[in-house]
Each structure stands twice: as C-alpha cells, then as structure tokens.
Amino acid sequence: MEAIFKPGDYIINRASGDIAIIDKITKKNYYHFKKYYSSMFHELKDTKNPLYDLQVDYQKLFDLCTDEEKKAFDELINKDIY
C-alpha cells in the first residue's frame, strides 16, 4: 500500500480521537511522528518509542486534520498539557 500522507501532515483518527504530526515515512512503510496525542490516556506519547509508529495499512483509519483541529493540537503541544 502506498503512503497517502506526507511529512508535516496533521492526521486524526476520528473514532479514537488520536491525533499526530507525521515526521517521516520509512522504506518499510511505517509512519514516524513528531508528536502523537493519545485520546485514551489524554497525553502526548514518546514518539521515540516504536510502539507509536504506524504501518501504512492502517492509514485508512486516519483523515487529514482541519485547520481548527491543527490549531487545537498546536495549542495543546505549546501548553505542554499531557
């Protein structure tokens, strides 16, 4: 499966509420993230942990964020609310 998102994109899983900023896509077809917010735990996750990488097959569960969602996520990051 081909990656549909690109580095710098803000993506959201509308069912779970998880939101992330894509850092890069590896040759093995994994998305790595700059920032990843877990809605279940209401916290930013350690994106150095491979547990939060996303195989591109699961990209179908995510959408691009709206400008309003991007702004809200940036505010959350800047306030360091975890």
PDB file of N, CA and C in Angstrom:
ATOM      1  N   MET A   1       0.844  -1.181   0.000  1.00  0.00           N
ATOM      2  CA  MET A   1       0.000   0.000   0.000  1.00  0.00           C
ATOM      3  C   MET A   1       0.888   1.242   0.000  1.00  0.00           C
ATOM      4  N   GLU A   2       0.514   2.200  -0.771  1.00  0.00           N
ATOM      5  CA  GLU A   2       1.240   3.452  -0.909  1.00  0.00           C
ATOM      6  C   GLU A   2       0.837   4.436   0.204  1.00  0.00           C
ATOM      7  N   ALA A   3       1.794   5.168   0.738  1.00  0.00           N
ATOM      8  CA  ALA A   3       1.511   6.175   1.762  1.00  0.00           C
ATOM      9  C   ALA A   3       0.721   7.331   1.144  1.00  0.00           C
ATOM     10  N   ILE A   4      -0.370   7.729   1.801  1.00  0.00           N
ATOM     11  CA  ILE A   4      -1.178   8.833   1.277  1.00  0.00           C
ATOM     12  C   ILE A   4      -0.914  10.150   2.009  1.00  0.00           C
ATOM     13  N   PHE A   5      -0.300  10.074   3.185  1.00  0.00           N
ATOM     14  CA  PHE A   5       0.041  11.279   3.934  1.00  0.00           C
ATOM     15  C   PHE A   5       1.521  11.565   3.748  1.00  0.00           C
ATOM     16  N   LYS A   6       1.918  12.800   4.021  1.00  0.00           N
ATOM     17  CA  LYS A   6       3.314  13.179   3.840  1.00  0.00           C
ATOM     18  C   LYS A   6       3.843  13.848   5.112  1.00  0.00           C
ATOM     19  N   PRO A   7       5.161  13.947   5.237  1.00  0.00           N
ATOM     20  CA  PRO A   7       5.732  14.602   6.410  1.00  0.00           C
ATOM     21  C   PRO A   7       5.156  16.011   6.588  1.00  0.00           C
ATOM     22  N   GLY A   8       4.849  16.316   7.846  1.00  0.00           N
ATOM     23  CA  GLY A   8       4.263  17.612   8.173  1.00  0.00           C
ATOM     24  C   GLY A   8       2.749  17.588   8.239  1.00  0.00           C
ATOM     25  N   ASP A   9       2.125  16.539   7.707  1.00  0.00           N
ATOM     26  CA  ASP A   9       0.663  16.439   7.770  1.00  0.00           C
ATOM     27  C   ASP A   9       0.198  16.170   9.200  1.00  0.00           C
ATOM     28  N   TYR A  10      -0.896  16.790   9.551  1.00  0.00           N
ATOM     29  CA  TYR A  10      -1.576  16.524  10.814  1.00  0.00           C
ATOM     30  C   TYR A  10      -2.688  15.539  10.484  1.00  0.00           C
ATOM     31  N   ILE A  11      -2.711  14.405  11.192  1.00  0.00           N
ATOM     32  CA  ILE A  11      -3.743  13.407  10.925  1.00  0.00           C
ATOM     33  C   ILE A  11      -4.504  13.084  12.212  1.00  0.00           C
ATOM     34  N   ILE A  12      -5.737  12.648  12.043  1.00  0.00           N
ATOM     35  CA  ILE A  12      -6.585  12.342  13.189  1.00  0.00           C
ATOM     36  C   ILE A  12      -7.381  11.072  12.912  1.00  0.00           C
ATOM     37  N   ASN A  13      -7.531  10.281  13.953  1.00  0.00           N
ATOM     38  CA  ASN A  13      -8.427   9.135  13.914  1.00  0.00           C
ATOM     39  C   ASN A  13      -9.701   9.618  14.595  1.00  0.00           C
ATOM     40  N   ARG A  14     -10.719   9.881  13.832  1.00  0.00           N
ATOM     41  CA  ARG A  14     -11.945  10.474  14.373  1.00  0.00           C
ATOM     42  C   ARG A  14     -12.676   9.525  15.327  1.00  0.00           C
ATOM     43  N   ALA A  15     -12.490   8.224  15.174  1.00  0.00           N
ATOM     44  CA  ALA A  15     -13.147   7.271  16.073  1.00  0.00           C
ATOM     45  C   ALA A  15     -12.498   7.264  17.458  1.00  0.00           C
ATOM     46  N   SER A  16     -11.169   7.282  17.500  1.00  0.00           N
ATOM     47  CA  SER A  16     -10.469   7.211  18.781  1.00  0.00           C
ATOM     48  C   SER A  16     -10.112   8.591  19.335  1.00  0.00           C
ATOM     49  N   GLY A  17      -9.965   9.573  18.449  1.00  0.00           N
ATOM     50  CA  GLY A  17      -9.558  10.906  18.880  1.00  0.00           C
ATOM     51  C   GLY A  17      -8.051  11.104  18.883  1.00  0.00           C
ATOM     52  N   ASP A  18      -7.276  10.065  18.511  1.00  0.00           N
ATOM     53  CA  ASP A  18      -5.828  10.211  18.441  1.00  0.00           C
ATOM     54  C   ASP A  18      -5.472  11.167  17.308  1.00  0.00           C
ATOM     55  N   ILE A  19      -4.434  11.953  17.552  1.00  0.00           N
ATOM     56  CA  ILE A  19      -4.003  12.947  16.563  1.00  0.00           C
ATOM     57  C   ILE A  19      -2.478  12.966  16.540  1.00  0.00           C
ATOM     58  N   ALA A  20      -1.892  13.205  15.362  1.00  0.00           N
ATOM     59  CA  ALA A  20      -0.441  13.144  15.234  1.00  0.00           C
ATOM     60  C   ALA A  20       0.045  14.060  14.120  1.00  0.00           C
ATOM     61  N   ILE A  21       1.332  14.373  14.208  1.00  0.00           N
ATOM     62  CA  ILE A  21       2.015  15.105  13.140  1.00  0.00           C
ATOM     63  C   ILE A  21       3.053  14.148  12.563  1.00  0.00           C
ATOM     64  N   ILE A  22       2.999  13.921  11.267  1.00  0.00           N
ATOM     65  CA  ILE A  22       3.913  12.978  10.619  1.00  0.00           C
ATOM     66  C   ILE A  22       5.300  13.593  10.487  1.00  0.00           C
ATOM     67  N   ASP A  23       6.303  12.801  10.896  1.00  0.00           N
ATOM     68  CA  ASP A  23       7.694  13.214  10.781  1.00  0.00           C
ATOM     69  C   ASP A  23       8.307  12.667   9.490  1.00  0.00           C
ATOM     70  N   LYS A  24       8.158  11.345   9.292  1.00  0.00           N
ATOM     71  CA  LYS A  24       8.730  10.724   8.091  1.00  0.00           C
ATOM     72  C   LYS A  24       8.040   9.397   7.816  1.00  0.00           C
ATOM     73  N   ILE A  25       8.288   8.871   6.638  1.00  0.00           N
ATOM     74  CA  ILE A  25       7.797   7.560   6.236  1.00  0.00           C
ATOM     75  C   ILE A  25       9.028   6.726   5.884  1.00  0.00           C
ATOM     76  N   THR A  26       9.157   5.558   6.498  1.00  0.00           N
ATOM     77  CA  THR A  26      10.342   4.730   6.270  1.00  0.00           C
ATOM     78  C   THR A  26      10.209   3.902   4.999  1.00  0.00           C
ATOM     79  N   LYS A  27      11.324   3.306   4.599  1.00  0.00           N
ATOM     80  CA  LYS A  27      11.321   2.418   3.435  1.00  0.00           C
ATOM     81  C   LYS A  27      10.480   1.173   3.691  1.00  0.00           C
ATOM     82  N   LYS A  28      10.264   0.837   4.965  1.00  0.00           N
ATOM     83  CA  LYS A  28       9.443  -0.330   5.319  1.00  0.00           C
ATOM     84  C   LYS A  28       7.971   0.052   5.466  1.00  0.00           C
ATOM     85  N   ASN A  29       7.626   1.256   5.011  1.00  0.00           N
ATOM     86  CA  ASN A  29       6.247   1.749   5.030  1.00  0.00           C
ATOM     87  C   ASN A  29       5.657   1.941   6.427  1.00  0.00           C
ATOM     88  N   TYR A  30       6.429   2.588   7.273  1.00  0.00           N
ATOM     89  CA  TYR A  30       5.937   2.988   8.589  1.00  0.00           C
ATOM     90  C   TYR A  30       5.983   4.502   8.692  1.00  0.00           C
ATOM     91  N   TYR A  31       4.914   5.064   9.251  1.00  0.00           N
ATOM     92  CA  TYR A  31       4.906   6.485   9.581  1.00  0.00           C
ATOM     93  C   TYR A  31       5.571   6.640  10.944  1.00  0.00           C
ATOM     94  N   HIS A  32       6.452   7.633  11.038  1.00  0.00           N
ATOM     95  CA  HIS A  32       7.015   8.044  12.322  1.00  0.00           C
ATOM     96  C   HIS A  32       6.464   9.439  12.586  1.00  0.00           C
ATOM     97  N   PHE A  33       6.271   9.766  13.855  1.00  0.00           N
ATOM     98  CA  PHE A  33       5.599  11.013  14.204  1.00  0.00           C
ATOM     99  C   PHE A  33       6.486  11.974  14.979  1.00  0.00           C
ATOM    100  N   LYS A  34       6.272  13.277  14.737  1.00  0.00           N
ATOM    101  CA  LYS A  34       6.909  14.324  15.541  1.00  0.00           C
ATOM    102  C   LYS A  34       6.208  14.389  16.886  1.00  0.00           C
ATOM    103  N   LYS A  35       4.894  14.381  16.842  1.00  0.00           N
ATOM    104  CA  LYS A  35       4.051  14.437  18.039  1.00  0.00           C
ATOM    105  C   LYS A  35       2.888  13.482  17.857  1.00  0.00           C
ATOM    106  N   TYR A  36       2.494  12.831  18.965  1.00  0.00           N
ATOM    107  CA  TYR A  36       1.360  11.906  18.920  1.00  0.00           C
ATOM    108  C   TYR A  36       0.584  12.058  20.217  1.00  0.00           C
ATOM    109  N   TYR A  37      -0.695  12.386  20.090  1.00  0.00           N
ATOM    110  CA  TYR A  37      -1.561  12.548  21.256  1.00  0.00           C
ATOM    111  C   TYR A  37      -2.514  11.365  21.342  1.00  0.00           C
ATOM    112  N   SER A  38      -2.490  10.699  22.481  1.00  0.00           N
ATOM    113  CA  SER A  38      -3.392   9.585  22.729  1.00  0.00           C
ATOM    114  C   SER A  38      -4.627  10.096  23.456  1.00  0.00           C
ATOM    115  N   SER A  39      -5.754   9.997  22.819  1.00  0.00           N
ATOM    116  CA  SER A  39      -7.003  10.437  23.418  1.00  0.00           C
ATOM    117  C   SER A  39      -7.403   9.545  24.592  1.00  0.00           C
ATOM    118  N   MET A  40      -7.082   8.256  24.498  1.00  0.00           N
ATOM    119  CA  MET A  40      -7.450   7.335  25.570  1.00  0.00           C
ATOM    120  C   MET A  40      -6.769   7.710  26.890  1.00  0.00           C
ATOM    121  N   PHE A  41      -5.501   8.087  26.801  1.00  0.00           N
ATOM    122  CA  PHE A  41      -4.738   8.412  28.004  1.00  0.00           C
ATOM    123  C   PHE A  41      -4.604   9.914  28.230  1.00  0.00           C
ATOM    124  N   HIS A  42      -5.126  10.718  27.318  1.00  0.00           N
ATOM    125  CA  HIS A  42      -5.080  12.177  27.419  1.00  0.00           C
ATOM    126  C   HIS A  42      -3.653  12.676  27.631  1.00  0.00           C
ATOM    127  N   GLU A  43      -2.737  12.173  26.789  1.00  0.00           N
ATOM    128  CA  GLU A  43      -1.351  12.596  26.930  1.00  0.00           C
ATOM    129  C   GLU A  43      -0.607  12.496  25.605  1.00  0.00           C
ATOM    130  N   LEU A  44       0.448  13.298  25.519  1.00  0.00           N
ATOM    131  CA  LEU A  44       1.367  13.181  24.389  1.00  0.00           C
ATOM    132  C   LEU A  44       2.261  11.989  24.654  1.00  0.00           C
ATOM    133  N   LYS A  45       2.471  11.181  23.641  1.00  0.00           N
ATOM    134  CA  LYS A  45       3.268   9.969  23.782  1.00  0.00           C
ATOM    135  C   LYS A  45       4.706  10.206  23.343  1.00  0.00           C
ATOM    136  N   ASP A  46       5.612   9.372  23.838  1.00  0.00           N
ATOM    137  CA  ASP A  46       7.017   9.413  23.469  1.00  0.00           C
ATOM    138  C   ASP A  46       7.152   8.848  22.057  1.00  0.00           C
ATOM    139  N   THR A  47       7.341   9.726  21.091  1.00  0.00           N
ATOM    140  CA  THR A  47       7.384   9.286  19.692  1.00  0.00           C
ATOM    141  C   THR A  47       8.684   8.569  19.334  1.00  0.00           C
ATOM    142  N   LYS A  48       9.630   8.513  20.246  1.00  0.00           N
ATOM    143  CA  LYS A  48      10.842   7.714  20.008  1.00  0.00           C
ATOM    144  C   LYS A  48      10.556   6.232  20.236  1.00  0.00           C
ATOM    145  N   ASN A  49       9.454   5.941  20.913  1.00  0.00           N
ATOM    146  CA  ASN A  49       9.048   4.568  21.176  1.00  0.00           C
ATOM    147  C   ASN A  49       8.401   4.004  19.911  1.00  0.00           C
ATOM    148  N   PRO A  50       8.941   2.912  19.363  1.00  0.00           N
ATOM    149  CA  PRO A  50       8.376   2.352  18.122  1.00  0.00           C
ATOM    150  C   PRO A  50       6.930   1.881  18.256  1.00  0.00           C
ATOM    151  N   LEU A  51       6.437   1.777  19.472  1.00  0.00           N
ATOM    152  CA  LEU A  51       5.048   1.399  19.690  1.00  0.00           C
ATOM    153  C   LEU A  51       4.092   2.381  19.016  1.00  0.00           C
ATOM    154  N   TYR A  52       4.523   3.624  18.833  1.00  0.00           N
ATOM    155  CA  TYR A  52       3.653   4.641  18.250  1.00  0.00           C
ATOM    156  C   TYR A  52       3.924   4.903  16.778  1.00  0.00           C
ATOM    157  N   ASP A  53       4.691   4.026  16.134  1.00  0.00           N
ATOM    158  CA  ASP A  53       4.831   4.087  14.682  1.00  0.00           C
ATOM    159  C   ASP A  53       3.568   3.476  14.081  1.00  0.00           C
ATOM    160  N   LEU A  54       3.240   3.857  12.875  1.00  0.00           N
ATOM    161  CA  LEU A  54       2.012   3.371  12.243  1.00  0.00           C
ATOM    162  C   LEU A  54       2.324   2.764  10.887  1.00  0.00           C
ATOM    163  N   GLN A  55       1.980   1.513  10.700  1.00  0.00           N
ATOM    164  CA  GLN A  55       2.158   0.851   9.420  1.00  0.00           C
ATOM    165  C   GLN A  55       1.146   1.465   8.452  1.00  0.00           C
ATOM    166  N   VAL A  56       1.547   1.738   7.225  1.00  0.00           N
ATOM    167  CA  VAL A  56       0.689   2.465   6.284  1.00  0.00           C
ATOM    168  C   VAL A  56      -0.637   1.772   5.996  1.00  0.00           C
ATOM    169  N   ASP A  57      -0.721   0.471   6.227  1.00  0.00           N
ATOM    170  CA  ASP A  57      -2.003  -0.210   6.020  1.00  0.00           C
ATOM    171  C   ASP A  57      -3.100   0.356   6.918  1.00  0.00           C
ATOM    172  N   TYR A  58      -2.707   0.947   8.042  1.00  0.00           N
ATOM    173  CA  TYR A  58      -3.685   1.495   8.985  1.00  0.00           C
ATOM    174  C   TYR A  58      -4.023   2.960   8.717  1.00  0.00           C
ATOM    175  N   GLN A  59      -3.438   3.543   7.673  1.00  0.00           N
ATOM    176  CA  GLN A  59      -3.712   4.942   7.358  1.00  0.00           C
ATOM    177  C   GLN A  59      -5.173   5.161   6.992  1.00  0.00           C
ATOM    178  N   LYS A  60      -5.858   4.096   6.587  1.00  0.00           N
ATOM    179  CA  LYS A  60      -7.271   4.223   6.225  1.00  0.00           C
ATOM    180  C   LYS A  60      -8.133   4.622   7.425  1.00  0.00           C
ATOM    181  N   LEU A  61      -7.598   4.486   8.635  1.00  0.00           N
ATOM    182  CA  LEU A  61      -8.328   4.868   9.845  1.00  0.00           C
ATOM    183  C   LEU A  61      -8.158   6.348  10.182  1.00  0.00           C
ATOM    184  N   PHE A  62      -7.312   7.045   9.428  1.00  0.00           N
ATOM    185  CA  PHE A  62      -6.989   8.443   9.719  1.00  0.00           C
ATOM    186  C   PHE A  62      -7.429   9.366   8.589  1.00  0.00           C
ATOM    187  N   ASP A  63      -7.679  10.610   8.946  1.00  0.00           N
ATOM    188  CA  ASP A  63      -8.002  11.681   7.998  1.00  0.00           C
ATOM    189  C   ASP A  63      -7.053  12.838   8.254  1.00  0.00           C
ATOM    190  N   LEU A  64      -6.932  13.715   7.270  1.00  0.00           N
ATOM    191  CA  LEU A  64      -6.205  14.962   7.497  1.00  0.00           C
ATOM    192  C   LEU A  64      -7.014  15.834   8.457  1.00  0.00           C
ATOM    193  N   CYS A  65      -6.318  16.546   9.319  1.00  0.00           N
ATOM    194  CA  CYS A  65      -6.977  17.438  10.270  1.00  0.00           C
ATOM    195  C   CYS A  65      -7.470  18.696   9.563  1.00  0.00           C
ATOM    196  N   THR A  66      -8.524  19.253  10.107  1.00  0.00           N
ATOM    197  CA  THR A  66      -8.993  20.558   9.652  1.00  0.00           C
ATOM    198  C   THR A  66      -8.081  21.623  10.248  1.00  0.00           C
ATOM    199  N   ASP A  67      -8.175  22.847   9.762  1.00  0.00           N
ATOM    200  CA  ASP A  67      -7.375  23.937  10.322  1.00  0.00           C
ATOM    201  C   ASP A  67      -7.686  24.138  11.806  1.00  0.00           C
ATOM    202  N   GLU A  68      -8.944  23.986  12.180  1.00  0.00           N
ATOM    203  CA  GLU A  68      -9.342  24.142  13.582  1.00  0.00           C
ATOM    204  C   GLU A  68      -8.707  23.051  14.454  1.00  0.00           C
ATOM    205  N   GLU A  69      -8.676  21.828  13.968  1.00  0.00           N
ATOM    206  CA  GLU A  69      -8.061  20.730  14.713  1.00  0.00           C
ATOM    207  C   GLU A  69      -6.550  20.928  14.840  1.00  0.00           C
ATOM    208  N   LYS A  70      -5.919  21.405  13.773  1.00  0.00           N
ATOM    209  CA  LYS A  70      -4.481  21.694  13.821  1.00  0.00           C
ATOM    210  C   LYS A  70      -4.188  22.735  14.888  1.00  0.00           C
ATOM    211  N   LYS A  71      -4.983  23.792  14.894  1.00  0.00           N
ATOM    212  CA  LYS A  71      -4.783  24.875  15.860  1.00  0.00           C
ATOM    213  C   LYS A  71      -4.942  24.361  17.291  1.00  0.00           C
ATOM    214  N   ALA A  72      -5.963  23.552  17.540  1.00  0.00           N
ATOM    215  CA  ALA A  72      -6.195  22.995  18.877  1.00  0.00           C
ATOM    216  C   ALA A  72      -5.029  22.092  19.296  1.00  0.00           C
ATOM    217  N   PHE A  73      -4.505  21.285  18.359  1.00  0.00           N
ATOM    218  CA  PHE A  73      -3.384  20.401  18.675  1.00  0.00           C
ATOM    219  C   PHE A  73      -2.126  21.211  18.958  1.00  0.00           C
ATOM    220  N   ASP A  74      -1.862  22.233  18.164  1.00  0.00           N
ATOM    221  CA  ASP A  74      -0.708  23.097  18.406  1.00  0.00           C
ATOM    222  C   ASP A  74      -0.799  23.770  19.774  1.00  0.00           C
ATOM    223  N   GLU A  75      -1.990  24.208  20.150  1.00  0.00           N
ATOM    224  CA  GLU A  75      -2.172  24.820  21.466  1.00  0.00           C
ATOM    225  C   GLU A  75      -1.892  23.816  22.576  1.00  0.00           C
ATOM    226  N   LEU A  76      -2.347  22.590  22.404  1.00  0.00           N
ATOM    227  CA  LEU A  76      -2.105  21.541  23.387  1.00  0.00           C
ATOM    228  C   LEU A  76      -0.602  21.289  23.529  1.00  0.00           C
ATOM    229  N   ILE A  77       0.096  21.213  22.413  1.00  0.00           N
ATOM    230  CA  ILE A  77       1.548  20.982  22.437  1.00  0.00           C
ATOM    231  C   ILE A  77       2.256  22.153  23.118  1.00  0.00           C
ATOM    232  N   ASN A  78       1.881  23.374  22.757  1.00  0.00           N
ATOM    233  CA  ASN A  78       2.542  24.560  23.301  1.00  0.00           C
ATOM    234  C   ASN A  78       2.283  24.766  24.790  1.00  0.00           C
ATOM    235  N   LYS A  79       1.157  24.288  25.280  1.00  0.00           N
ATOM    236  CA  LYS A  79       0.846  24.404  26.700  1.00  0.00           C
ATOM    237  C   LYS A  79       1.426  23.261  27.516  1.00  0.00           C
ATOM    238  N   ASP A  80       2.009  22.277  26.821  1.00  0.00           N
ATOM    239  CA  ASP A  80       2.568  21.091  27.473  1.00  0.00           C
ATOM    240  C   ASP A  80       1.553  20.411  28.370  1.00  0.00           C
ATOM    241  N   ILE A  81       0.332  20.288  27.879  1.00  0.00           N
ATOM    242  CA  ILE A  81      -0.708  19.590  28.626  1.00  0.00           C
ATOM    243  C   ILE A  81      -0.604  18.116  28.249  1.00  0.00           C
ATOM    244  N   TYR A  82      -0.276  17.308  29.193  1.00  0.00           N
ATOM    245  CA  TYR A  82      -0.154  15.875  28.943  1.00  0.00           C
ATOM    246  C   TYR A  82      -1.151  15.172  29.836  1.00  0.00           C
TER     247      TYR A  82
END
